[in-house]
Protein backbone atom coordinates (compact mmCIF):
# COMPACT_ATOMS: atom_id res chain seq x y z
CA MET A 1 -0.03 -0.06 0.01
CA ILE A 2 2.73 2.49 1.09
CA PHE A 3 4.46 1.93 -2.30
CA ASP A 4 1.34 2.50 -4.35
CA PRO A 5 1.62 5.94 -6.11
CA LEU A 6 -2.15 6.35 -5.97
CA TYR A 7 -2.25 5.97 -2.22
CA MET A 8 0.67 8.50 -1.77
CA LEU A 9 -1.15 10.87 -4.13
CA MET A 10 -4.34 10.57 -2.15
CA ILE A 11 -2.96 11.22 1.31
CA LEU A 12 -0.39 13.82 0.10
CA PRO A 13 -2.64 16.72 1.13
CA ALA A 14 -3.25 15.37 4.48
CA MET A 15 0.52 14.78 5.06
CA VAL A 16 1.27 18.41 3.99
CA LEU A 17 -1.53 19.82 6.20
CA GLY A 18 -0.18 17.65 9.15
CA ILE A 19 3.30 18.83 8.81
CA TRP A 20 2.16 22.49 8.55
CA ALA A 21 -0.09 21.94 11.55
CA GLN A 22 2.77 20.61 13.57
CA PHE A 23 4.97 23.56 12.61
CA ARG A 24 2.12 26.08 13.57
CA ILE A 25 1.51 24.44 16.90
CA HIS A 26 5.10 24.35 17.92
CA SER A 27 5.54 28.07 16.74
CA ALA A 28 2.31 29.25 18.39
CA TYR A 29 3.09 27.38 21.63
CA GLY A 30 6.61 28.76 21.72
CA ARG A 31 5.26 32.32 21.37
CA ALA A 32 2.39 31.88 23.87
CA ALA A 33 4.75 30.18 26.42
CA LYS A 34 6.62 33.51 26.58
CA GLN A 35 3.49 35.46 27.50
CA PRO A 36 2.78 35.58 31.22
CA ALA A 37 -0.51 34.59 32.66
CA PRO A 38 -1.82 35.46 36.27
CA LEU A 39 -2.36 31.66 36.92
CA SER A 40 -0.63 28.45 36.22
CA GLY A 41 -2.19 25.99 33.99
CA ALA A 42 -3.46 23.91 36.89
CA ALA A 43 -4.85 26.86 38.70
CA ALA A 44 -6.65 28.11 35.55
CA ALA A 45 -8.06 24.61 35.01
CA ARG A 46 -9.27 24.49 38.62
CA HIS A 47 -10.84 27.88 38.21
CA VAL A 48 -12.76 26.86 35.06
CA LEU A 49 -13.84 23.57 36.68
CA ASP A 50 -14.99 25.05 39.86
CA SER A 51 -16.94 27.81 38.03
CA ALA A 52 -18.68 25.00 36.17
CA GLY A 53 -19.53 23.21 39.33
CA LEU A 54 -17.04 20.45 38.76
CA SER A 55 -15.05 20.64 42.02
CA SER A 56 -15.10 16.78 42.05
CA VAL A 57 -12.91 16.59 39.01
CA SER A 58 -9.44 16.25 40.10
CA ILE A 59 -6.12 17.61 38.39
CA GLU A 60 -2.99 15.53 38.25
CA GLN A 61 0.39 16.31 36.84
CA ILE A 62 1.82 13.76 34.36
CA PRO A 63 5.09 13.43 32.49
CA GLY A 64 5.77 14.30 28.87
CA GLN A 65 5.18 17.29 26.69
CA LEU A 66 1.72 18.05 25.29
CA THR A 67 0.39 14.81 26.85
CA ASP A 68 -2.44 16.74 28.49
CA HIS A 69 -5.93 15.05 28.49
CA TYR A 70 -9.11 14.48 30.31
CA ASP A 71 -9.95 11.01 31.50
CA PRO A 72 -13.88 10.58 31.44
CA ARG A 73 -13.67 7.19 33.16
CA GLU A 74 -11.71 8.50 36.20
CA LYS A 75 -13.02 12.02 36.03
CA VAL A 76 -9.40 13.32 36.13
CA LEU A 77 -7.77 16.08 34.29
CA ARG A 78 -4.14 15.30 33.58
CA LEU A 79 -1.65 17.99 32.63
CA SER A 80 1.89 17.74 31.54
CA GLY A 81 4.55 19.29 33.67
CA ASP A 82 4.96 22.46 31.62
CA VAL A 83 1.16 23.11 31.47
CA TYR A 84 0.58 22.17 34.99
CA THR A 85 3.17 24.51 36.55
CA ASN A 86 3.83 27.32 34.09
CA ARG A 87 2.11 30.70 34.31
CA SER A 88 1.88 31.36 30.58
CA LEU A 89 -0.83 31.95 28.07
CA ALA A 90 0.07 28.68 26.45
CA ALA A 91 -0.31 26.75 29.65
CA VAL A 92 -3.67 28.32 30.58
CA GLY A 93 -5.07 27.81 27.05
CA ILE A 94 -4.25 24.14 26.86
CA ALA A 95 -5.48 23.58 30.47
CA ALA A 96 -8.75 25.39 29.79
CA HIS A 97 -9.22 23.27 26.62
CA GLU A 98 -8.95 20.08 28.68
CA ALA A 99 -11.26 21.50 31.33
CA GLY A 100 -13.61 22.07 28.42
CA HIS A 101 -13.72 18.26 27.87
CA ALA A 102 -14.66 17.82 31.48
CA ILE A 103 -17.47 20.25 31.07
CA GLN A 104 -18.65 18.40 27.96
CA ASP A 105 -18.57 15.18 29.97
CA ALA A 106 -20.59 16.68 32.78
CA GLN A 107 -23.24 17.99 30.36
CA SER A 108 -23.33 14.77 28.40
CA TYR A 109 -22.37 16.54 25.15
CA ALA A 110 -23.64 14.33 22.52
CA PRO A 111 -20.53 14.09 20.24
CA LEU A 112 -18.41 13.33 23.19
CA VAL A 113 -20.70 10.52 24.35
CA VAL A 114 -20.58 8.95 20.83
CA ARG A 115 -16.94 9.39 20.65
CA ASN A 116 -16.29 7.72 23.98
CA ALA A 117 -18.59 4.78 23.00
CA VAL A 118 -16.68 4.03 19.73
CA VAL A 119 -13.15 4.36 21.30
CA PRO A 120 -12.71 0.57 21.85
CA VAL A 121 -13.74 -0.29 18.32
CA ALA A 122 -11.59 2.64 16.77
CA ASN A 123 -8.60 1.55 18.70
CA PHE A 124 -8.92 -2.08 17.41
CA GLY A 125 -9.80 -0.79 13.90
CA SER A 126 -6.71 1.42 13.66
CA ASN A 127 -4.40 -1.54 13.68
CA ALA A 128 -6.42 -4.63 12.83
CA GLY A 129 -8.51 -2.89 10.10
CA ILE A 130 -5.36 -1.66 8.24
CA TRP A 131 -3.78 -4.96 8.37
CA MET A 132 -6.78 -6.79 7.19
CA CYS A 133 -7.03 -4.45 4.22
CA ILE A 134 -3.27 -4.76 3.39
CA LEU A 135 -3.33 -8.61 3.60
CA GLY A 136 -6.55 -8.67 1.67
CA LEU A 137 -4.92 -6.68 -1.04
CA ILE A 138 -1.61 -8.75 -0.98
CA PHE A 139 -3.37 -12.13 -1.18
CA SER A 140 -6.31 -10.85 -3.35
CA TRP A 141 -8.74 -12.13 -0.67
CA GLN A 142 -11.77 -9.98 -1.19
CA PRO A 143 -13.62 -10.92 2.01
CA LEU A 144 -10.73 -10.09 4.26
CA LEU A 145 -10.39 -6.68 2.40
CA VAL A 146 -14.02 -5.82 2.81
CA PHE A 147 -14.08 -6.91 6.47
CA GLY A 148 -10.89 -4.72 6.95
CA ILE A 149 -12.70 -1.79 5.38
CA VAL A 150 -15.74 -2.18 7.71
CA ILE A 151 -13.41 -2.31 10.73
CA PHE A 152 -11.42 0.71 9.59
CA SER A 153 -14.54 2.63 9.05
CA ALA A 154 -14.80 2.88 12.68
CA VAL A 155 -11.60 4.77 12.85
CA VAL A 156 -12.86 7.19 10.23
CA PHE A 157 -16.10 7.59 12.15
CA PHE A 158 -14.15 8.32 15.34
CA GLN A 159 -12.00 10.90 13.57
CA LEU A 160 -15.13 12.66 12.20
CA ILE A 161 -16.98 12.75 15.38
CA ASN A 162 -13.83 13.86 17.21
CA LEU A 163 -13.77 17.23 15.19
CA PRO A 164 -16.75 18.78 16.77
CA VAL A 165 -15.57 17.56 20.26
CA GLU A 166 -12.28 19.24 19.90
CA PHE A 167 -13.55 22.42 18.26
CA ASP A 168 -16.24 22.75 21.01
CA ALA A 169 -13.74 22.27 23.84
CA SER A 170 -11.61 25.02 22.33
CA ALA A 171 -14.53 27.33 22.02
CA ARG A 172 -15.43 26.67 25.60
CA ALA A 173 -11.87 27.35 26.75
CA LYS A 174 -11.71 30.68 24.92
CA HIS A 175 -15.06 31.72 26.39
CA GLU A 176 -14.16 30.79 29.91
CA LEU A 177 -10.75 32.31 29.92
CA VAL A 178 -12.14 35.67 29.08
CA ALA A 179 -15.38 35.40 31.11
CA LEU A 180 -13.46 34.47 34.18
CA GLY A 181 -10.86 37.16 33.73
CA ILE A 182 -8.00 34.82 33.43
CA VAL A 183 -6.84 36.21 30.09
CA PRO A 184 -7.68 39.71 28.91
CA ALA A 185 -9.47 39.75 25.57
CA VAL A 186 -6.66 41.63 23.97
CA GLU A 187 -4.25 38.85 24.80
CA MET A 188 -6.42 36.02 23.54
CA GLN A 189 -4.67 36.09 20.18
CA PHE A 190 -1.88 34.04 21.44
CA VAL A 191 -4.32 31.37 23.12
CA ASN A 192 -6.32 31.32 19.83
CA LYS A 193 -3.32 30.59 17.70
CA VAL A 194 -2.21 27.69 19.95
CA LEU A 195 -5.72 26.18 20.03
CA ASN A 196 -6.42 26.78 16.31
CA ALA A 197 -3.10 25.16 15.31
CA ALA A 198 -3.97 22.14 17.50
CA ALA A 199 -7.33 21.88 15.82
CA LEU A 200 -5.46 21.68 12.47
CA THR A 201 -3.78 18.48 13.61
CA TYR A 202 -7.14 16.78 14.24
CA VAL A 203 -8.24 17.97 10.71
CA ALA A 204 -5.19 16.47 9.12
CA ALA A 205 -5.55 13.11 10.93
CA THR A 206 -9.28 13.00 9.88
CA LEU A 207 -8.47 13.83 6.24
CA GLN A 208 -5.73 11.04 6.12
CA ALA A 209 -8.13 8.57 7.61
CA VAL A 210 -10.92 9.43 5.14
CA MET A 211 -8.55 9.28 2.15
CA THR A 212 -7.03 5.99 3.34
CA LEU A 213 -10.62 4.50 3.62
CA LEU A 214 -11.42 5.80 0.23
CA TYR A 215 -8.22 4.21 -1.24
CA PHE A 216 -9.23 0.79 0.11
CA VAL A 217 -12.82 1.15 -1.17
CA MET A 218 -11.37 1.99 -4.55
CA ARG A 219 -9.05 -0.97 -4.58
CA ALA A 220 -11.92 -3.31 -3.43
CA ARG A 221 -13.95 -2.30 -6.48
CA ASP A 222 -11.02 -3.08 -8.85
């Protein structure tokens, strides 16, 4: 598959977009990390959560860089060291975004509920589905290829439903940071650039998944 010029041509736009998004996020994060904020990322997240009535959601520090995430099963917001401790616009922006996911969870935000439900199938499909498709093509075994396409479709569905989840979390973060007085409106440009660049990475991943699925569907019809 990876040596098929057609496949490379189909996913090239997604690859270019992904590389550009990574460049933008590192550039935007670097600039925003130099802009001071009145609170650390952890304190900002705590403020956002408490204001939403989510004092029961705990915040933990975890290793790594940009490993921040919200765990809906444990009701825990986990922040990387830089985000947890730093008082920068980058830190509060990312922390508020993850707090936005916690608010979504508390409000049973429909796309998040659906996304969480398909996570196990998507995790399985991201590996097994691809290999089923590849082996189906190699051995010209149509049933295996078709079954792989069905399994990998769960990955595409996950990526598609993940977009509104991430966009909504960023929108909530931007609103809360200004409404709670954590970031002045005139300084939100730095936060906006970080969160918008992060959103582009999800768009690139979704586009690549969609084009990969389309490639396998086209090959199945050959």
